[in-house]
Amino acid sequence: MGIFMPPDMPLRIKQFMAAKVDFPFIKKEEALAAFYLLGKDHGVSDDLEIKAATDIAKKTVEQVARDIRHYVTTPQKMDARFTRENYTKRSLQIVIDSGVQADVDRRVAGDPVILSDCFAQHIAFHRQGFFFELFQPFRAEQMPPALKSKLEGRMLLLGFNAKDRQSLPFKSSLSPFFEWMLKV
């Protein structure tokens, strides 16, 4: 899982946790996108795996929607101190689970739990619409050649802080994702 817009999201999370910036650290007019790649090791190759990945994607969307509703109905949960405390607890859990102190900032800034929560909080705070799109396993001809080894055979769940695809400032929902993937 990751958030690729705004591109400096890991830095913003790090600054937020260090209390150098306050919530909300994403502006209402900024495009925000979250992605979940499915089929990590060997892609998604048959109908059974596609169904399992589709079920995971559906549950993920339902959970994000529940989180957004929760934040809308209990805005005190979006208090910067409360959020910072939750992110810090998750950071400690990451360190304890991995047993390694090195590179904690990078792992925390890329943690799926923190990123999903961040996505939900900002949509709730700004009272924005959102949508998710699920892409079936990518074929080589559907992506830039440089991404073939990273994405071929994998499914993608892509979410935006816009009410629908037509509300995006991009010609397709995949174009900003591919651009971001080419940079990392």
Protein backbone atom coordinates (compact mmCIF):
# COMPACT_ATOMS: atom_id res chain seq x y z
CA MET A 1 0.00 0.00 0.00
CA GLY A 2 1.15 3.49 -0.62
CA ILE A 3 0.11 7.07 -1.13
CA PHE A 4 1.68 8.70 -4.15
CA MET A 5 0.12 12.14 -4.18
CA PRO A 6 1.36 14.48 -2.89
CA PRO A 7 4.81 13.16 -3.83
CA ASP A 8 6.41 14.36 -0.59
CA MET A 9 3.95 12.41 1.57
CA PRO A 10 6.61 10.45 3.52
CA LEU A 11 8.28 13.73 4.47
CA ARG A 12 4.94 15.23 5.55
CA ILE A 13 4.17 12.23 7.75
CA LYS A 14 7.64 12.44 9.30
CA GLN A 15 7.22 16.19 9.94
CA PHE A 16 3.75 15.62 11.39
CA MET A 17 5.02 12.96 13.77
CA ALA A 18 7.83 15.29 14.86
CA ALA A 19 5.20 18.01 15.51
CA LYS A 20 6.78 20.29 12.90
CA VAL A 21 3.50 20.52 10.96
CA ASP A 22 -0.04 20.17 12.18
CA PHE A 23 -3.11 18.38 10.89
CA PRO A 24 -4.32 18.67 8.18
CA PHE A 25 -1.03 18.40 6.33
CA ILE A 26 -2.73 17.84 2.99
CA LYS A 27 -4.62 20.79 1.51
CA LYS A 28 -8.17 20.40 0.28
CA GLU A 29 -7.24 21.24 -3.32
CA GLU A 30 -4.39 18.69 -3.45
CA ALA A 31 -5.00 15.43 -5.24
CA LEU A 32 -4.54 12.50 -2.90
CA ALA A 33 -4.21 8.94 -4.13
CA ALA A 34 -3.72 5.64 -2.38
CA PHE A 35 -2.81 2.35 -3.99
CA TYR A 36 -2.79 -1.28 -2.97
CA LEU A 37 -0.86 -3.78 -5.08
CA LEU A 38 -2.17 -7.33 -4.95
CA GLY A 39 -0.23 -10.44 -5.92
CA LYS A 40 3.06 -9.41 -4.36
CA ASP A 41 5.40 -12.32 -5.07
CA HIS A 42 4.15 -14.04 -8.21
CA GLY A 43 1.26 -11.93 -9.43
CA VAL A 44 -2.31 -13.10 -9.70
CA SER A 45 -2.46 -15.91 -12.20
CA ASP A 46 -5.75 -17.81 -12.11
CA ASP A 47 -9.44 -17.22 -11.47
CA LEU A 48 -9.21 -18.36 -7.84
CA GLU A 49 -6.40 -15.90 -7.09
CA ILE A 50 -8.24 -13.12 -8.94
CA LYS A 51 -11.34 -13.79 -6.83
CA ALA A 52 -9.29 -13.80 -3.62
CA ALA A 53 -7.56 -10.53 -4.58
CA THR A 54 -10.92 -9.00 -5.55
CA ASP A 55 -12.33 -9.99 -2.15
CA ILE A 56 -9.35 -8.37 -0.39
CA ALA A 57 -9.83 -5.22 -2.46
CA LYS A 58 -13.54 -5.11 -1.63
CA LYS A 59 -12.85 -5.49 2.10
CA THR A 60 -10.18 -2.78 1.89
CA VAL A 61 -12.60 -0.33 0.27
CA GLU A 62 -15.27 -1.16 2.85
CA GLN A 63 -12.79 -0.58 5.69
CA VAL A 64 -11.62 2.76 4.29
CA ALA A 65 -15.26 3.84 3.85
CA ARG A 66 -16.01 2.82 7.47
CA ASP A 67 -12.96 4.76 8.67
CA ILE A 68 -14.06 7.86 6.75
CA ARG A 69 -17.58 7.64 8.22
CA HIS A 70 -16.07 7.17 11.69
CA TYR A 71 -13.92 10.30 11.34
CA VAL A 72 -16.85 12.34 9.99
CA THR A 73 -19.05 11.35 12.93
CA THR A 74 -16.30 11.73 15.56
CA PRO A 75 -14.16 14.66 14.41
CA GLN A 76 -12.29 14.74 17.74
CA LYS A 77 -10.49 11.62 16.48
CA MET A 78 -8.80 13.88 13.91
CA ASP A 79 -7.15 15.95 16.63
CA ALA A 80 -3.44 16.26 15.83
CA ARG A 81 -2.33 15.00 19.25
CA PHE A 82 -4.58 11.96 19.06
CA THR A 83 -3.44 11.14 15.52
CA ARG A 84 0.22 11.69 16.34
CA GLU A 85 -0.14 9.38 19.35
CA ASN A 86 -1.72 6.67 17.17
CA TYR A 87 1.05 6.99 14.57
CA THR A 88 3.68 6.82 17.32
CA LYS A 89 2.09 3.67 18.78
CA ARG A 90 2.11 2.12 15.32
CA SER A 91 5.76 3.15 14.88
CA LEU A 92 6.68 1.38 18.10
CA GLN A 93 4.78 -1.69 16.97
CA ILE A 94 6.74 -1.70 13.69
CA VAL A 95 10.06 -1.51 15.56
CA ILE A 96 9.05 -4.24 18.03
CA ASP A 97 7.69 -6.54 15.31
CA SER A 98 10.76 -6.17 13.09
CA GLY A 99 13.32 -6.05 15.89
CA VAL A 100 15.32 -3.57 13.83
CA GLN A 101 15.69 0.11 14.65
CA ALA A 102 17.32 1.01 11.31
CA ASP A 103 15.28 2.83 8.67
CA VAL A 104 12.25 3.26 10.95
CA ASP A 105 11.23 6.60 9.38
CA ARG A 106 10.98 5.06 5.91
CA ARG A 107 9.04 2.03 7.17
CA VAL A 108 6.65 4.17 9.22
CA ALA A 109 6.04 6.60 6.34
CA GLY A 110 5.21 3.64 4.11
CA ASP A 111 3.18 1.64 6.63
CA PRO A 112 -0.18 0.52 5.19
CA VAL A 113 -2.04 1.12 8.46
CA ILE A 114 -0.77 4.69 8.80
CA LEU A 115 -1.25 5.48 5.10
CA SER A 116 -4.82 4.12 5.02
CA ASP A 117 -5.64 6.09 8.14
CA CYS A 118 -4.08 9.24 6.69
CA PHE A 119 -6.10 8.82 3.47
CA ALA A 120 -9.36 8.35 5.42
CA GLN A 121 -8.70 11.25 7.80
CA HIS A 122 -8.00 13.79 5.09
CA ILE A 123 -11.04 12.79 3.05
CA ALA A 124 -13.20 13.05 6.18
CA PHE A 125 -11.64 16.34 7.31
CA HIS A 126 -12.11 18.04 3.94
CA ARG A 127 -15.50 16.33 3.39
CA GLN A 128 -14.39 15.09 -0.01
CA GLY A 129 -15.79 12.42 -2.23
CA PHE A 130 -13.65 9.41 -3.00
CA PHE A 131 -13.63 6.46 -5.32
CA PHE A 132 -11.62 3.31 -5.85
CA GLU A 133 -10.87 1.49 -9.05
CA LEU A 134 -9.72 -2.14 -9.23
CA PHE A 135 -7.51 -3.12 -12.15
CA GLN A 136 -7.28 -6.75 -13.22
CA PRO A 137 -3.84 -8.37 -13.52
CA PHE A 138 -1.66 -6.13 -15.67
CA ARG A 139 -0.41 -7.44 -18.99
CA ALA A 140 2.95 -6.26 -20.34
CA GLU A 141 1.35 -4.13 -23.08
CA GLN A 142 -0.73 -2.16 -20.55
CA MET A 143 2.20 -0.48 -18.83
CA PRO A 144 5.45 1.29 -19.53
CA PRO A 145 8.19 -1.30 -20.25
CA ALA A 146 10.23 -0.11 -17.26
CA LEU A 147 7.42 -1.23 -14.91
CA LYS A 148 6.95 -4.70 -16.36
CA SER A 149 9.00 -6.47 -13.68
CA LYS A 150 7.19 -4.59 -10.87
CA LEU A 151 3.60 -4.80 -12.09
CA GLU A 152 3.04 -7.56 -14.65
CA GLY A 153 0.49 -10.07 -13.35
CA ARG A 154 -0.39 -7.94 -10.33
CA MET A 155 -3.72 -6.31 -9.57
CA LEU A 156 -4.05 -2.71 -8.46
CA LEU A 157 -6.62 -1.05 -6.22
CA LEU A 158 -6.36 2.68 -6.76
CA GLY A 159 -8.24 5.28 -4.70
CA PHE A 160 -8.56 9.05 -5.08
CA ASN A 161 -10.01 11.94 -3.10
CA ALA A 162 -12.43 12.81 -5.89
CA LYS A 163 -16.04 11.76 -6.39
CA ASP A 164 -15.32 9.92 -9.66
CA ARG A 165 -12.79 9.39 -12.44
CA GLN A 166 -14.14 12.33 -14.44
CA SER A 167 -13.33 14.68 -11.54
CA LEU A 168 -9.61 13.93 -11.74
CA PRO A 169 -7.21 16.40 -13.39
CA PHE A 170 -5.59 13.52 -15.33
CA LYS A 171 -6.49 11.88 -18.63
CA SER A 172 -6.63 8.52 -16.86
CA SER A 173 -6.45 7.36 -13.28
CA LEU A 174 -3.48 5.16 -14.11
CA SER A 175 -1.27 7.89 -15.57
CA PRO A 176 -0.24 9.53 -12.26
CA PHE A 177 0.32 6.09 -10.73
CA PHE A 178 2.62 5.02 -13.57
CA GLU A 179 4.48 8.35 -13.40
CA TRP A 180 5.05 7.87 -9.68
CA MET A 181 6.13 4.23 -10.06
CA LEU A 182 8.69 5.25 -12.68
CA LYS A 183 10.27 7.65 -10.16
CA VAL A 184 10.61 5.20 -7.26
